[in-house]
């Protein structure tokens, strides 16, 4: 894991999108797929 923070920008009025993104990311982080993606896209 990188230990670095990343973000996704959404407009203030897109509250539903923000909730969906946060829920999806939380689910992904609980799975093994999260580590696979970090290694694939953020490792040197």
PDB file of N, CA and C in Angstrom:
ATOM      1  N   UNK A   1       0.847  -1.184   0.000  1.00  0.00           N
ATOM      2  CA  UNK A   1       0.000   0.000   0.000  1.00  0.00           C
ATOM      3  C   UNK A   1       0.883   1.234   0.000  1.00  0.00           C
ATOM      4  N   UNK A   2       0.437   2.241  -0.682  1.00  0.00           N
ATOM      5  CA  UNK A   2       1.278   3.419  -0.865  1.00  0.00           C
ATOM      6  C   UNK A   2       1.320   4.330   0.360  1.00  0.00           C
ATOM      7  N   UNK A   3       0.258   4.362   1.135  1.00  0.00           N
ATOM      8  CA  UNK A   3       0.208   5.266   2.275  1.00  0.00           C
ATOM      9  C   UNK A   3      -0.117   6.700   1.868  1.00  0.00           C
ATOM     10  N   UNK A   4      -0.249   6.940   0.578  1.00  0.00           N
ATOM     11  CA  UNK A   4      -0.571   8.266   0.083  1.00  0.00           C
ATOM     12  C   UNK A   4      -2.074   8.402  -0.097  1.00  0.00           C
ATOM     13  N   UNK A   5      -2.548   9.624   0.054  1.00  0.00           N
ATOM     14  CA  UNK A   5      -3.983   9.874  -0.119  1.00  0.00           C
ATOM     15  C   UNK A   5      -4.268  10.282  -1.559  1.00  0.00           C
ATOM     16  N   UNK A   6      -5.353   9.789  -2.093  1.00  0.00           N
ATOM     17  CA  UNK A   6      -5.814  10.150  -3.431  1.00  0.00           C
ATOM     18  C   UNK A   6      -7.248  10.628  -3.313  1.00  0.00           C
ATOM     19  N   UNK A   7      -7.708  11.365  -4.283  1.00  0.00           N
ATOM     20  CA  UNK A   7      -9.068  11.863  -4.213  1.00  0.00           C
ATOM     21  C   UNK A   7      -9.745  11.880  -5.567  1.00  0.00           C
ATOM     22  N   UNK A   8     -11.045  11.993  -5.519  1.00  0.00           N
ATOM     23  CA  UNK A   8     -11.866  12.144  -6.713  1.00  0.00           C
ATOM     24  C   UNK A   8     -12.704  13.394  -6.499  1.00  0.00           C
ATOM     25  N   UNK A   9     -12.641  14.309  -7.434  1.00  0.00           N
ATOM     26  CA  UNK A   9     -13.392  15.558  -7.309  1.00  0.00           C
ATOM     27  C   UNK A   9     -14.796  15.398  -7.886  1.00  0.00           C
ATOM     28  N   UNK A  10     -15.772  15.863  -7.127  1.00  0.00           N
ATOM     29  CA  UNK A  10     -17.154  15.923  -7.606  1.00  0.00           C
ATOM     30  C   UNK A  10     -17.718  17.289  -7.218  1.00  0.00           C
ATOM     31  N   UNK A  11     -18.670  17.748  -7.989  1.00  0.00           N
ATOM     32  CA  UNK A  11     -19.297  19.034  -7.672  1.00  0.00           C
ATOM     33  C   UNK A  11     -20.092  18.925  -6.369  1.00  0.00           C
ATOM     34  N   UNK A  12     -20.183  20.015  -5.639  1.00  0.00           N
ATOM     35  CA  UNK A  12     -20.914  20.028  -4.363  1.00  0.00           C
ATOM     36  C   UNK A  12     -22.343  19.532  -4.512  1.00  0.00           C
ATOM     37  N   UNK A  13     -22.969  19.865  -5.631  1.00  0.00           N
ATOM     38  CA  UNK A  13     -24.366  19.466  -5.817  1.00  0.00           C
ATOM     39  C   UNK A  13     -24.525  17.996  -6.197  1.00  0.00           C
ATOM     40  N   UNK A  14     -23.439  17.305  -6.472  1.00  0.00           N
ATOM     41  CA  UNK A  14     -23.485  15.877  -6.816  1.00  0.00           C
ATOM     42  C   UNK A  14     -23.360  14.999  -5.565  1.00  0.00           C
ATOM     43  N   UNK A  15     -24.225  15.239  -4.601  1.00  0.00           N
ATOM     44  CA  UNK A  15     -24.152  14.526  -3.322  1.00  0.00           C
ATOM     45  C   UNK A  15     -24.391  13.027  -3.477  1.00  0.00           C
ATOM     46  N   UNK A  16     -25.316  12.647  -4.343  1.00  0.00           N
ATOM     47  CA  UNK A  16     -25.593  11.219  -4.553  1.00  0.00           C
ATOM     48  C   UNK A  16     -24.388  10.518  -5.168  1.00  0.00           C
ATOM     49  N   UNK A  17     -23.733  11.180  -6.105  1.00  0.00           N
ATOM     50  CA  UNK A  17     -22.538  10.607  -6.731  1.00  0.00           C
ATOM     51  C   UNK A  17     -21.440  10.420  -5.693  1.00  0.00           C
ATOM     52  N   UNK A  18     -21.275  11.399  -4.817  1.00  0.00           N
ATOM     53  CA  UNK A  18     -20.264  11.312  -3.763  1.00  0.00           C
ATOM     54  C   UNK A  18     -20.526  10.104  -2.864  1.00  0.00           C
ATOM     55  N   UNK A  19     -21.765   9.898  -2.490  1.00  0.00           N
ATOM     56  CA  UNK A  19     -22.127   8.757  -1.642  1.00  0.00           C
ATOM     57  C   UNK A  19     -21.824   7.445  -2.363  1.00  0.00           C
ATOM     58  N   UNK A  20     -22.220   7.354  -3.634  1.00  0.00           N
ATOM     59  CA  UNK A  20     -21.971   6.136  -4.412  1.00  0.00           C
ATOM     60  C   UNK A  20     -20.478   5.851  -4.547  1.00  0.00           C
ATOM     61  N   UNK A  21     -19.700   6.882  -4.827  1.00  0.00           N
ATOM     62  CA  UNK A  21     -18.252   6.697  -4.950  1.00  0.00           C
ATOM     63  C   UNK A  21     -17.642   6.237  -3.629  1.00  0.00           C
ATOM     64  N   UNK A  22     -18.018   6.883  -2.535  1.00  0.00           N
ATOM     65  CA  UNK A  22     -17.474   6.514  -1.228  1.00  0.00           C
ATOM     66  C   UNK A  22     -17.840   5.083  -0.853  1.00  0.00           C
ATOM     67  N   UNK A  23     -19.070   4.691  -1.126  1.00  0.00           N
ATOM     68  CA  UNK A  23     -19.495   3.316  -0.822  1.00  0.00           C
ATOM     69  C   UNK A  23     -18.746   2.312  -1.690  1.00  0.00           C
ATOM     70  N   UNK A  24     -18.603   2.630  -2.963  1.00  0.00           N
ATOM     71  CA  UNK A  24     -17.895   1.736  -3.876  1.00  0.00           C
ATOM     72  C   UNK A  24     -16.434   1.575  -3.506  1.00  0.00           C
ATOM     73  N   UNK A  25     -15.787   2.670  -3.157  1.00  0.00           N
ATOM     74  CA  UNK A  25     -14.377   2.617  -2.760  1.00  0.00           C
ATOM     75  C   UNK A  25     -14.221   1.832  -1.463  1.00  0.00           C
ATOM     76  N   UNK A  26     -15.114   2.041  -0.514  1.00  0.00           N
ATOM     77  CA  UNK A  26     -15.053   1.300   0.753  1.00  0.00           C
ATOM     78  C   UNK A  26     -15.176  -0.203   0.507  1.00  0.00           C
ATOM     79  N   UNK A  27     -16.095  -0.600  -0.372  1.00  0.00           N
ATOM     80  CA  UNK A  27     -16.259  -2.018  -0.721  1.00  0.00           C
ATOM     81  C   UNK A  27     -15.005  -2.569  -1.386  1.00  0.00           C
ATOM     82  N   UNK A  28     -14.472  -1.799  -2.306  1.00  0.00           N
ATOM     83  CA  UNK A  28     -13.282  -2.215  -3.039  1.00  0.00           C
ATOM     84  C   UNK A  28     -12.095  -2.395  -2.102  1.00  0.00           C
ATOM     85  N   UNK A  29     -11.950  -1.479  -1.136  1.00  0.00           N
ATOM     86  CA  UNK A  29     -10.830  -1.569  -0.190  1.00  0.00           C
ATOM     87  C   UNK A  29     -10.907  -2.824   0.674  1.00  0.00           C
ATOM     88  N   UNK A  30     -12.103  -3.344   0.895  1.00  0.00           N
ATOM     89  CA  UNK A  30     -12.269  -4.553   1.704  1.00  0.00           C
ATOM     90  C   UNK A  30     -11.955  -5.816   0.908  1.00  0.00           C
ATOM     91  N   UNK A  31     -11.849  -5.688  -0.406  1.00  0.00           N
ATOM     92  CA  UNK A  31     -11.589  -6.851  -1.253  1.00  0.00           C
ATOM     93  C   UNK A  31     -10.101  -6.933  -1.607  1.00  0.00           C
ATOM     94  N   UNK A  32      -9.703  -8.062  -2.165  1.00  0.00           N
ATOM     95  CA  UNK A  32      -8.311  -8.220  -2.600  1.00  0.00           C
ATOM     96  C   UNK A  32      -8.040  -7.422  -3.874  1.00  0.00           C
ATOM     97  N   UNK A  33      -9.075  -7.031  -4.565  1.00  0.00           N
ATOM     98  CA  UNK A  33      -8.924  -6.275  -5.813  1.00  0.00           C
ATOM     99  C   UNK A  33      -8.237  -4.938  -5.574  1.00  0.00           C
ATOM    100  N   UNK A  34      -8.452  -4.324  -4.425  1.00  0.00           N
ATOM    101  CA  UNK A  34      -7.843  -3.026  -4.106  1.00  0.00           C
ATOM    102  C   UNK A  34      -6.327  -3.130  -4.185  1.00  0.00           C
ATOM    103  N   UNK A  35      -5.756  -4.118  -3.517  1.00  0.00           N
ATOM    104  CA  UNK A  35      -4.304  -4.292  -3.530  1.00  0.00           C
ATOM    105  C   UNK A  35      -3.796  -4.572  -4.939  1.00  0.00           C
ATOM    106  N   UNK A  36      -4.542  -5.349  -5.707  1.00  0.00           N
ATOM    107  CA  UNK A  36      -4.158  -5.635  -7.093  1.00  0.00           C
ATOM    108  C   UNK A  36      -4.087  -4.342  -7.907  1.00  0.00           C
ATOM    109  N   UNK A  37      -5.066  -3.477  -7.736  1.00  0.00           N
ATOM    110  CA  UNK A  37      -5.096  -2.215  -8.477  1.00  0.00           C
ATOM    111  C   UNK A  37      -3.960  -1.285  -8.055  1.00  0.00           C
ATOM    112  N   UNK A  38      -3.687  -1.219  -6.767  1.00  0.00           N
ATOM    113  CA  UNK A  38      -2.590  -0.381  -6.271  1.00  0.00           C
ATOM    114  C   UNK A  38      -1.270  -0.851  -6.868  1.00  0.00           C
ATOM    115  N   UNK A  39      -1.048  -2.159  -6.843  1.00  0.00           N
ATOM    116  CA  UNK A  39       0.192  -2.709  -7.401  1.00  0.00           C
ATOM    117  C   UNK A  39       0.269  -2.433  -8.907  1.00  0.00           C
ATOM    118  N   UNK A  40      -0.821  -2.653  -9.605  1.00  0.00           N
ATOM    119  CA  UNK A  40      -0.832  -2.492 -11.061  1.00  0.00           C
ATOM    120  C   UNK A  40      -0.586  -1.045 -11.490  1.00  0.00           C
ATOM    121  N   UNK A  41      -1.228  -0.090 -10.824  1.00  0.00           N
ATOM    122  CA  UNK A  41      -1.185   1.284 -11.301  1.00  0.00           C
ATOM    123  C   UNK A  41      -0.262   2.223 -10.522  1.00  0.00           C
ATOM    124  N   UNK A  42       0.140   1.855  -9.313  1.00  0.00           N
ATOM    125  CA  UNK A  42       0.913   2.794  -8.506  1.00  0.00           C
ATOM    126  C   UNK A  42       2.264   2.275  -8.033  1.00  0.00           C
ATOM    127  N   UNK A  43       2.640   1.065  -8.398  1.00  0.00           N
ATOM    128  CA  UNK A  43       3.962   0.585  -7.990  1.00  0.00           C
ATOM    129  C   UNK A  43       4.974   0.927  -9.074  1.00  0.00           C
ATOM    130  N   UNK A  44       6.202   1.042  -8.663  1.00  0.00           N
ATOM    131  CA  UNK A  44       7.259   1.412  -9.619  1.00  0.00           C
ATOM    132  C   UNK A  44       7.943   0.205 -10.177  1.00  0.00           C
TER     133      UNK A  44
END
